[in-house]
N, C-alpha and C. Protein backbone atom coordinates (compact mmCIF):
# COMPACT_ATOMS: atom_id res chain seq x y z
N UNK A 1 -5.90 4.98 21.28
CA UNK A 1 -4.95 5.96 20.81
C UNK A 1 -4.44 5.53 19.45
N UNK A 2 -4.36 6.47 18.50
CA UNK A 2 -3.86 6.20 17.16
C UNK A 2 -2.35 6.07 17.19
N UNK A 3 -1.86 4.97 16.61
CA UNK A 3 -0.42 4.76 16.50
C UNK A 3 -0.08 4.66 15.03
N UNK A 4 1.20 4.82 14.74
CA UNK A 4 1.65 4.70 13.36
C UNK A 4 2.78 3.69 13.29
N UNK A 5 2.90 3.05 12.15
CA UNK A 5 3.96 2.07 11.91
C UNK A 5 4.44 2.28 10.49
N UNK A 6 5.69 2.61 10.34
CA UNK A 6 6.25 2.89 9.03
C UNK A 6 6.86 1.65 8.42
N UNK A 7 6.76 1.57 7.10
CA UNK A 7 7.22 0.40 6.37
C UNK A 7 8.07 0.85 5.18
N UNK A 8 9.22 0.23 4.99
CA UNK A 8 10.14 0.63 3.93
C UNK A 8 9.68 0.15 2.57
N UNK A 9 9.93 0.95 1.56
CA UNK A 9 9.72 0.55 0.17
C UNK A 9 11.06 0.17 -0.40
N UNK A 10 11.17 -1.03 -0.96
CA UNK A 10 12.44 -1.48 -1.47
C UNK A 10 12.80 -0.86 -2.81
N UNK A 11 11.81 -0.63 -3.67
CA UNK A 11 12.12 -0.08 -4.98
C UNK A 11 10.88 0.48 -5.63
N UNK A 12 11.08 1.31 -6.62
CA UNK A 12 10.03 1.82 -7.48
C UNK A 12 10.39 1.42 -8.90
N UNK A 13 9.49 0.74 -9.61
CA UNK A 13 9.79 0.30 -10.96
C UNK A 13 9.52 1.40 -11.98
N UNK A 14 8.33 1.94 -11.96
CA UNK A 14 7.95 2.95 -12.93
C UNK A 14 7.13 4.01 -12.24
N UNK A 15 7.12 5.18 -12.83
CA UNK A 15 6.32 6.28 -12.31
C UNK A 15 5.56 6.89 -13.47
N UNK A 16 4.27 7.11 -13.26
CA UNK A 16 3.43 7.68 -14.31
C UNK A 16 2.82 8.99 -13.86
N UNK A 17 2.22 9.65 -14.80
CA UNK A 17 1.56 10.92 -14.50
C UNK A 17 0.32 10.75 -13.62
N UNK A 18 -0.29 9.57 -13.64
CA UNK A 18 -1.52 9.35 -12.87
C UNK A 18 -1.29 9.04 -11.40
N UNK A 19 -0.10 8.62 -11.02
CA UNK A 19 0.20 8.37 -9.61
C UNK A 19 -0.49 7.17 -9.02
N UNK A 20 -0.68 6.12 -9.79
CA UNK A 20 -1.26 4.88 -9.28
C UNK A 20 -0.13 3.95 -8.89
N UNK A 21 -0.23 3.35 -7.69
CA UNK A 21 0.82 2.45 -7.25
C UNK A 21 0.22 1.24 -6.55
N UNK A 22 1.01 0.19 -6.43
CA UNK A 22 0.63 -1.02 -5.71
C UNK A 22 1.80 -1.44 -4.85
N UNK A 23 1.51 -2.08 -3.73
CA UNK A 23 2.59 -2.59 -2.91
C UNK A 23 2.10 -3.18 -1.60
N UNK A 24 3.04 -3.69 -0.83
CA UNK A 24 2.76 -4.29 0.46
C UNK A 24 2.72 -3.19 1.52
N UNK A 25 1.55 -2.95 2.07
CA UNK A 25 1.40 -1.92 3.10
C UNK A 25 1.85 -2.42 4.46
N UNK A 26 1.54 -3.69 4.77
CA UNK A 26 1.87 -4.23 6.09
C UNK A 26 2.12 -5.73 5.99
N UNK A 27 3.40 -6.15 5.98
CA UNK A 27 3.70 -7.58 5.88
C UNK A 27 3.42 -8.32 7.18
N UNK A 28 3.10 -9.59 7.07
CA UNK A 28 2.87 -10.45 8.23
C UNK A 28 4.15 -11.20 8.59
N UNK A 29 4.30 -11.48 9.90
CA UNK A 29 5.35 -12.38 10.37
C UNK A 29 6.75 -11.80 10.39
N UNK A 30 6.89 -10.50 10.36
CA UNK A 30 8.19 -9.85 10.32
C UNK A 30 8.29 -8.88 11.50
N UNK A 31 9.37 -8.99 12.28
CA UNK A 31 9.58 -8.07 13.41
C UNK A 31 10.19 -6.79 12.85
N UNK A 32 9.53 -5.67 13.10
CA UNK A 32 10.02 -4.40 12.58
C UNK A 32 10.97 -3.73 13.57
N UNK A 33 11.46 -2.57 13.22
CA UNK A 33 12.44 -1.85 14.05
C UNK A 33 11.86 -1.44 15.41
N UNK A 34 10.54 -1.41 15.53
CA UNK A 34 9.91 -1.06 16.80
C UNK A 34 9.63 -2.27 17.68
N UNK A 35 10.01 -3.47 17.22
CA UNK A 35 9.80 -4.68 18.01
C UNK A 35 8.40 -5.25 17.89
N UNK A 36 7.66 -4.87 16.84
CA UNK A 36 6.30 -5.37 16.62
C UNK A 36 6.27 -6.34 15.46
N UNK A 37 5.36 -7.31 15.55
CA UNK A 37 5.12 -8.28 14.50
C UNK A 37 3.62 -8.32 14.25
N UNK A 38 3.21 -8.01 13.03
CA UNK A 38 1.78 -8.07 12.67
C UNK A 38 1.48 -9.51 12.28
N UNK A 39 0.49 -10.10 12.94
CA UNK A 39 0.11 -11.47 12.65
C UNK A 39 -0.92 -11.53 11.52
N UNK A 40 -0.88 -12.62 10.77
CA UNK A 40 -1.87 -12.85 9.71
C UNK A 40 -3.26 -12.77 10.32
N UNK A 41 -4.16 -12.10 9.63
CA UNK A 41 -5.53 -11.96 10.11
C UNK A 41 -5.77 -10.74 10.98
N UNK A 42 -4.73 -9.97 11.26
CA UNK A 42 -4.88 -8.80 12.14
C UNK A 42 -5.84 -7.75 11.56
N UNK A 43 -6.03 -7.75 10.26
CA UNK A 43 -6.88 -6.74 9.61
C UNK A 43 -8.25 -7.27 9.21
N UNK A 44 -8.53 -8.54 9.48
CA UNK A 44 -9.78 -9.14 9.02
C UNK A 44 -11.01 -8.36 9.48
N UNK A 45 -11.12 -8.10 10.75
CA UNK A 45 -12.31 -7.44 11.29
C UNK A 45 -12.42 -5.99 10.81
N UNK A 46 -11.32 -5.25 10.80
CA UNK A 46 -11.37 -3.85 10.39
C UNK A 46 -11.77 -3.73 8.91
N UNK A 47 -11.34 -4.68 8.08
CA UNK A 47 -11.73 -4.65 6.67
C UNK A 47 -13.20 -5.05 6.50
N UNK A 48 -13.66 -6.01 7.32
CA UNK A 48 -15.07 -6.41 7.27
C UNK A 48 -15.96 -5.24 7.69
N UNK A 49 -15.57 -4.54 8.73
CA UNK A 49 -16.40 -3.45 9.27
C UNK A 49 -16.29 -2.16 8.47
N UNK A 50 -15.09 -1.83 8.01
CA UNK A 50 -14.87 -0.55 7.34
C UNK A 50 -14.70 -0.61 5.84
N UNK A 51 -14.73 -1.83 5.28
CA UNK A 51 -14.54 -1.97 3.85
C UNK A 51 -13.07 -1.86 3.46
N UNK A 52 -12.78 -2.00 2.17
CA UNK A 52 -11.39 -2.07 1.71
C UNK A 52 -10.72 -0.71 1.44
N UNK A 53 -11.41 0.39 1.56
CA UNK A 53 -10.81 1.68 1.22
C UNK A 53 -10.43 2.48 2.46
N UNK A 54 -9.28 3.16 2.37
CA UNK A 54 -8.80 4.03 3.44
C UNK A 54 -8.16 5.26 2.81
N UNK A 55 -8.14 6.37 3.55
CA UNK A 55 -7.46 7.56 3.03
C UNK A 55 -5.95 7.34 2.97
N UNK A 56 -5.33 7.94 1.97
CA UNK A 56 -3.88 7.97 1.84
C UNK A 56 -3.44 9.36 2.28
N UNK A 57 -2.58 9.41 3.29
CA UNK A 57 -2.11 10.68 3.85
C UNK A 57 -0.65 10.91 3.51
N UNK A 58 -0.24 12.16 3.63
CA UNK A 58 1.16 12.54 3.50
C UNK A 58 1.73 12.65 4.90
N UNK A 59 2.70 11.79 5.25
CA UNK A 59 3.42 11.84 6.51
C UNK A 59 2.51 11.76 7.74
N UNK A 60 1.42 11.01 7.65
CA UNK A 60 0.45 10.82 8.74
C UNK A 60 -0.27 12.11 9.15
N UNK A 61 -0.23 13.13 8.34
CA UNK A 61 -0.94 14.37 8.69
C UNK A 61 -2.41 14.22 8.30
N UNK A 62 -3.28 14.15 9.31
CA UNK A 62 -4.70 13.91 9.04
C UNK A 62 -5.36 15.06 8.28
N UNK A 63 -4.75 16.23 8.31
CA UNK A 63 -5.29 17.36 7.53
C UNK A 63 -4.65 17.45 6.15
N UNK A 64 -3.96 16.38 5.73
CA UNK A 64 -3.25 16.38 4.46
C UNK A 64 -3.49 15.09 3.67
N UNK A 65 -4.77 14.82 3.32
CA UNK A 65 -5.01 13.65 2.49
C UNK A 65 -4.46 13.89 1.08
N UNK A 66 -3.86 12.83 0.50
CA UNK A 66 -3.28 12.98 -0.84
C UNK A 66 -3.84 11.95 -1.82
N UNK A 67 -4.76 11.10 -1.35
CA UNK A 67 -5.33 10.10 -2.24
C UNK A 67 -6.10 9.05 -1.48
N UNK A 68 -6.22 7.89 -2.10
CA UNK A 68 -7.02 6.81 -1.53
C UNK A 68 -6.30 5.47 -1.73
N UNK A 69 -6.46 4.58 -0.76
CA UNK A 69 -5.93 3.23 -0.83
C UNK A 69 -7.08 2.23 -0.91
N UNK A 70 -6.92 1.22 -1.74
CA UNK A 70 -7.80 0.06 -1.75
C UNK A 70 -6.97 -1.11 -1.26
N UNK A 71 -7.48 -1.80 -0.25
CA UNK A 71 -6.70 -2.81 0.47
C UNK A 71 -7.17 -4.22 0.14
N UNK A 72 -6.22 -5.15 0.19
CA UNK A 72 -6.52 -6.57 -0.02
C UNK A 72 -5.68 -7.37 0.98
N UNK A 73 -6.37 -8.16 1.79
CA UNK A 73 -5.69 -8.99 2.78
C UNK A 73 -5.21 -10.26 2.08
N UNK A 74 -3.89 -10.44 2.02
CA UNK A 74 -3.29 -11.60 1.38
C UNK A 74 -2.57 -12.44 2.42
N UNK A 75 -2.12 -13.63 2.04
CA UNK A 75 -1.48 -14.53 3.01
C UNK A 75 -0.18 -13.94 3.55
N UNK A 76 0.51 -13.09 2.78
CA UNK A 76 1.78 -12.53 3.22
C UNK A 76 1.67 -11.13 3.83
N UNK A 77 0.46 -10.54 3.80
CA UNK A 77 0.28 -9.23 4.40
C UNK A 77 -0.83 -8.43 3.77
N UNK A 78 -0.93 -7.18 4.17
CA UNK A 78 -1.97 -6.29 3.66
C UNK A 78 -1.44 -5.55 2.44
N UNK A 79 -1.99 -5.86 1.29
CA UNK A 79 -1.59 -5.30 0.00
C UNK A 79 -2.42 -4.05 -0.27
N UNK A 80 -1.83 -3.07 -0.93
CA UNK A 80 -2.59 -1.87 -1.25
C UNK A 80 -2.42 -1.46 -2.70
N UNK A 81 -3.44 -0.84 -3.21
CA UNK A 81 -3.41 -0.15 -4.50
C UNK A 81 -3.79 1.28 -4.19
N UNK A 82 -2.88 2.19 -4.47
CA UNK A 82 -3.11 3.59 -4.13
C UNK A 82 -3.26 4.47 -5.35
N UNK A 83 -3.97 5.57 -5.17
CA UNK A 83 -4.16 6.56 -6.23
C UNK A 83 -3.92 7.93 -5.62
N UNK A 84 -2.83 8.57 -6.07
CA UNK A 84 -2.56 9.94 -5.66
C UNK A 84 -3.48 10.89 -6.41
N UNK A 85 -4.03 11.87 -5.72
CA UNK A 85 -4.84 12.91 -6.36
C UNK A 85 -3.90 14.06 -6.73
N UNK A 86 -3.34 13.97 -7.93
CA UNK A 86 -2.27 14.87 -8.33
C UNK A 86 -2.70 16.32 -8.51
N UNK A 87 -4.00 16.59 -8.42
CA UNK A 87 -4.47 17.98 -8.45
C UNK A 87 -4.21 18.68 -7.11
N UNK A 88 -3.92 17.89 -6.06
CA UNK A 88 -3.60 18.46 -4.75
C UNK A 88 -2.10 18.74 -4.66
N UNK A 89 -1.69 19.91 -4.17
CA UNK A 89 -0.26 20.24 -4.10
C UNK A 89 0.56 19.23 -3.30
N UNK A 90 0.01 18.72 -2.20
CA UNK A 90 0.75 17.77 -1.37
C UNK A 90 0.92 16.43 -2.08
N UNK A 91 -0.09 16.02 -2.85
CA UNK A 91 0.00 14.77 -3.62
C UNK A 91 1.06 14.92 -4.71
N UNK A 92 1.08 16.06 -5.35
CA UNK A 92 2.10 16.32 -6.38
C UNK A 92 3.49 16.29 -5.75
N UNK A 93 3.61 16.85 -4.55
CA UNK A 93 4.89 16.83 -3.81
C UNK A 93 5.30 15.39 -3.50
N UNK A 94 4.36 14.58 -3.02
CA UNK A 94 4.64 13.18 -2.73
C UNK A 94 5.08 12.45 -3.99
N UNK A 95 4.38 12.70 -5.08
CA UNK A 95 4.71 12.08 -6.37
C UNK A 95 6.14 12.44 -6.79
N UNK A 96 6.48 13.72 -6.70
CA UNK A 96 7.82 14.18 -7.11
C UNK A 96 8.90 13.58 -6.20
N UNK A 97 8.61 13.47 -4.90
CA UNK A 97 9.57 12.86 -3.97
C UNK A 97 9.76 11.38 -4.24
N UNK A 98 8.67 10.67 -4.58
CA UNK A 98 8.77 9.26 -4.95
C UNK A 98 9.57 9.11 -6.23
N UNK A 99 9.26 9.94 -7.19
CA UNK A 99 9.93 9.88 -8.49
C UNK A 99 11.44 10.11 -8.35
N UNK A 100 11.81 11.02 -7.47
CA UNK A 100 13.22 11.34 -7.26
C UNK A 100 13.93 10.34 -6.34
N UNK A 101 13.15 9.48 -5.70
CA UNK A 101 13.75 8.51 -4.78
C UNK A 101 14.09 9.09 -3.42
N UNK A 102 13.57 10.26 -3.12
CA UNK A 102 13.83 10.92 -1.84
C UNK A 102 13.00 10.29 -0.73
N UNK A 103 11.74 10.02 -1.03
CA UNK A 103 10.83 9.40 -0.08
C UNK A 103 10.44 8.05 -0.67
N UNK A 104 10.53 7.01 0.14
CA UNK A 104 10.17 5.69 -0.37
C UNK A 104 9.54 4.81 0.71
N UNK A 105 8.85 5.41 1.66
CA UNK A 105 8.27 4.65 2.76
C UNK A 105 6.76 4.64 2.77
N UNK A 106 6.20 3.56 3.31
CA UNK A 106 4.77 3.45 3.58
C UNK A 106 4.60 3.26 5.08
N UNK A 107 3.45 3.66 5.59
CA UNK A 107 3.18 3.55 7.01
C UNK A 107 1.69 3.42 7.25
N UNK A 108 1.33 2.80 8.36
CA UNK A 108 -0.08 2.64 8.72
C UNK A 108 -0.40 3.45 9.97
N UNK A 109 -1.60 3.98 10.03
CA UNK A 109 -2.13 4.61 11.23
C UNK A 109 -3.19 3.67 11.79
N UNK A 110 -3.01 3.19 13.01
CA UNK A 110 -3.86 2.13 13.53
C UNK A 110 -4.07 2.26 15.03
N UNK A 111 -5.02 1.46 15.52
CA UNK A 111 -5.24 1.29 16.96
C UNK A 111 -5.13 -0.20 17.25
N UNK A 112 -4.39 -0.54 18.29
CA UNK A 112 -4.26 -1.95 18.68
C UNK A 112 -5.52 -2.37 19.43
N UNK A 113 -6.15 -3.42 18.95
CA UNK A 113 -7.33 -3.98 19.61
C UNK A 113 -6.91 -5.16 20.49
N UNK A 114 -6.03 -6.02 19.94
CA UNK A 114 -5.58 -7.20 20.69
C UNK A 114 -4.12 -7.48 20.35
N UNK A 115 -3.31 -7.71 21.39
CA UNK A 115 -1.90 -8.05 21.19
C UNK A 115 -1.41 -8.91 22.34
N UNK A 116 -0.22 -9.46 22.17
CA UNK A 116 0.44 -10.20 23.25
C UNK A 116 1.94 -10.04 23.06
N UNK A 117 2.67 -10.11 24.15
CA UNK A 117 4.13 -9.99 24.09
C UNK A 117 4.74 -11.35 24.39
N UNK A 118 5.62 -11.79 23.47
CA UNK A 118 6.34 -13.06 23.64
C UNK A 118 7.81 -12.82 23.33
N UNK A 119 8.67 -13.14 24.25
CA UNK A 119 10.12 -13.02 24.08
C UNK A 119 10.52 -11.61 23.63
N UNK A 120 9.85 -10.61 24.19
CA UNK A 120 10.19 -9.23 23.89
C UNK A 120 9.62 -8.68 22.59
N UNK A 121 8.84 -9.48 21.88
CA UNK A 121 8.23 -9.05 20.62
C UNK A 121 6.73 -8.89 20.85
N UNK A 122 6.20 -7.73 20.46
CA UNK A 122 4.76 -7.49 20.56
C UNK A 122 4.09 -8.03 19.31
N UNK A 123 3.21 -9.03 19.48
CA UNK A 123 2.46 -9.64 18.39
C UNK A 123 1.13 -8.91 18.25
N UNK A 124 0.97 -8.19 17.15
CA UNK A 124 -0.27 -7.45 16.90
C UNK A 124 -1.26 -8.41 16.26
N UNK A 125 -2.28 -8.80 17.03
CA UNK A 125 -3.22 -9.83 16.61
C UNK A 125 -4.47 -9.26 15.96
N UNK A 126 -4.90 -8.08 16.41
CA UNK A 126 -6.05 -7.41 15.80
C UNK A 126 -5.81 -5.92 15.83
N UNK A 127 -5.96 -5.30 14.65
CA UNK A 127 -5.74 -3.86 14.52
C UNK A 127 -6.95 -3.20 13.88
N UNK A 128 -7.20 -1.97 14.28
CA UNK A 128 -8.19 -1.13 13.60
C UNK A 128 -7.37 -0.16 12.75
N UNK A 129 -7.54 -0.26 11.44
CA UNK A 129 -6.75 0.54 10.51
C UNK A 129 -7.51 1.81 10.14
N UNK A 130 -6.85 2.96 10.32
CA UNK A 130 -7.46 4.25 10.00
C UNK A 130 -6.98 4.79 8.66
N UNK A 131 -5.68 4.64 8.38
CA UNK A 131 -5.12 5.25 7.18
C UNK A 131 -3.80 4.59 6.81
N UNK A 132 -3.37 4.89 5.59
CA UNK A 132 -2.03 4.55 5.14
C UNK A 132 -1.36 5.84 4.70
N UNK A 133 -0.06 5.93 4.89
CA UNK A 133 0.68 7.15 4.55
C UNK A 133 1.94 6.86 3.75
N UNK A 134 2.31 7.83 2.95
CA UNK A 134 3.64 7.85 2.35
C UNK A 134 4.49 8.66 3.30
N UNK A 135 5.64 8.08 3.72
CA UNK A 135 6.48 8.71 4.75
C UNK A 135 7.95 8.72 4.35
N UNK A 136 8.70 9.55 5.05
CA UNK A 136 10.14 9.67 4.81
C UNK A 136 10.93 8.60 5.55
N UNK A 137 10.56 8.31 6.80
CA UNK A 137 11.34 7.40 7.65
C UNK A 137 10.54 6.14 7.97
N UNK A 138 10.79 5.06 7.24
CA UNK A 138 10.05 3.81 7.44
C UNK A 138 10.65 2.94 8.55
N UNK A 139 9.85 1.98 9.04
CA UNK A 139 10.31 1.05 10.07
C UNK A 139 10.48 -0.37 9.57
N UNK A 140 9.62 -0.83 8.67
CA UNK A 140 9.63 -2.23 8.27
C UNK A 140 10.18 -2.36 6.85
N UNK A 141 11.30 -3.05 6.73
CA UNK A 141 12.00 -3.12 5.46
C UNK A 141 11.40 -4.12 4.46
N UNK A 142 10.38 -4.87 4.85
CA UNK A 142 9.78 -5.84 3.93
C UNK A 142 8.62 -5.25 3.11
N UNK A 143 8.16 -4.08 3.46
CA UNK A 143 7.07 -3.47 2.70
C UNK A 143 7.65 -2.75 1.49
N UNK A 144 6.88 -2.72 0.39
CA UNK A 144 7.40 -2.10 -0.82
C UNK A 144 6.28 -1.57 -1.70
N UNK A 145 6.51 -0.41 -2.28
CA UNK A 145 5.69 0.01 -3.40
C UNK A 145 6.33 -0.69 -4.59
N UNK A 146 5.60 -1.63 -5.18
CA UNK A 146 6.21 -2.43 -6.24
C UNK A 146 6.13 -1.73 -7.58
N UNK A 147 5.17 -0.86 -7.76
CA UNK A 147 5.11 -0.11 -9.01
C UNK A 147 4.18 1.08 -8.86
N UNK A 148 4.43 2.07 -9.66
CA UNK A 148 3.52 3.21 -9.80
C UNK A 148 3.09 3.19 -11.24
N UNK A 149 1.79 3.05 -11.47
CA UNK A 149 1.27 2.80 -12.80
C UNK A 149 0.46 3.97 -13.33
N UNK A 150 0.19 3.91 -14.60
CA UNK A 150 -0.68 4.91 -15.22
C UNK A 150 -1.96 4.24 -15.69
N UNK A 151 -3.03 5.02 -15.78
CA UNK A 151 -4.28 4.51 -16.33
C UNK A 151 -4.05 4.10 -17.78
N UNK A 152 -3.20 4.85 -18.51
CA UNK A 152 -2.89 4.51 -19.89
C UNK A 152 -2.27 3.12 -19.97
N UNK A 153 -1.37 2.82 -19.05
CA UNK A 153 -0.72 1.51 -19.01
C UNK A 153 -1.76 0.41 -18.85
N UNK A 154 -2.73 0.63 -17.96
CA UNK A 154 -3.78 -0.37 -17.75
C UNK A 154 -4.61 -0.56 -19.00
N UNK A 155 -4.98 0.53 -19.68
CA UNK A 155 -5.77 0.43 -20.91
C UNK A 155 -4.97 -0.30 -22.00
N UNK A 156 -3.68 -0.02 -22.11
CA UNK A 156 -2.83 -0.68 -23.11
C UNK A 156 -2.76 -2.17 -22.81
N UNK A 157 -2.56 -2.52 -21.54
CA UNK A 157 -2.49 -3.92 -21.14
C UNK A 157 -3.79 -4.65 -21.50
N UNK A 158 -4.94 -4.02 -21.22
CA UNK A 158 -6.23 -4.62 -21.55
C UNK A 158 -6.40 -4.78 -23.05
N UNK A 159 -6.00 -3.77 -23.83
CA UNK A 159 -6.12 -3.83 -25.28
C UNK A 159 -5.24 -4.94 -25.86
N UNK A 160 -4.02 -5.08 -25.33
CA UNK A 160 -3.13 -6.15 -25.79
C UNK A 160 -3.70 -7.52 -25.47
N UNK A 161 -4.31 -7.65 -24.31
CA UNK A 161 -4.93 -8.93 -23.93
C UNK A 161 -6.08 -9.26 -24.89
N UNK A 162 -6.92 -8.25 -25.20
CA UNK A 162 -8.03 -8.47 -26.14
C UNK A 162 -7.51 -8.85 -27.52
N UNK A 163 -6.46 -8.18 -27.97
CA UNK A 163 -5.87 -8.47 -29.28
C UNK A 163 -5.33 -9.90 -29.31
N UNK A 164 -4.63 -10.29 -28.25
CA UNK A 164 -4.08 -11.65 -28.16
C UNK A 164 -5.20 -12.67 -28.23
N UNK A 165 -6.29 -12.42 -27.51
CA UNK A 165 -7.43 -13.34 -27.51
C UNK A 165 -8.02 -13.46 -28.90
N UNK A 166 -8.18 -12.33 -29.60
CA UNK A 166 -8.75 -12.34 -30.95
C UNK A 166 -7.83 -13.07 -31.93
N UNK A 167 -6.53 -12.85 -31.84
CA UNK A 167 -5.57 -13.51 -32.74
C UNK A 167 -5.59 -15.01 -32.50
N UNK A 168 -5.56 -15.44 -31.25
CA UNK A 168 -5.59 -16.86 -30.94
C UNK A 168 -6.90 -17.51 -31.41
N UNK A 169 -7.99 -16.79 -31.25
CA UNK A 169 -9.27 -17.29 -31.72
C UNK A 169 -9.28 -17.43 -33.24
N UNK A 170 -8.73 -16.45 -33.94
CA UNK A 170 -8.66 -16.49 -35.40
C UNK A 170 -7.78 -17.63 -35.87
N UNK A 171 -6.66 -17.86 -35.17
CA UNK A 171 -5.74 -18.94 -35.55
C UNK A 171 -6.40 -20.32 -35.35
N UNK A 172 -7.19 -20.44 -34.31
CA UNK A 172 -7.88 -21.71 -34.06
C UNK A 172 -8.93 -21.99 -35.12
N UNK A 173 -9.49 -20.93 -35.67
CA UNK A 173 -10.53 -21.06 -36.70
C UNK A 173 -9.99 -21.50 -38.05
N UNK A 174 -8.67 -21.44 -38.27
CA UNK A 174 -8.08 -21.82 -39.56
C UNK A 174 -7.98 -23.30 -39.71
């Protein structure tokens, strides 16, 4: 059975027209409002089998995809880089809600493969991840969209890095 787990976003730094964001989708070692704790390594098998990409949904509605997530398993949790497809009305709505600070939650749609209960806390040891969603009501306060970026910002950052490299190289040649 597909379950969902919502995660709070602590802040949004910047918002761009392209709707690219990064943040912690699912932190490890934290008991959420539902009494669950995702253990490190819970996503290893699902990422090996299904690859690093998952659909990004609006409010867990499977008939309402709004973009795509690229996932990275880190020591502190499952990190995501998302891209809203702003040509879709629902993605534009999500973007506007994020920009206004009305909606600031992330959530996962998953199936529990292996878990155990200790002292009233359910330890999620292995999960099959189906999707990530932007949601209104989050459960885990440690998750955050750390920034929403633009493709222009990335190109500028790369150009500045190249310029810095060229200047340093020229200075060394003197």
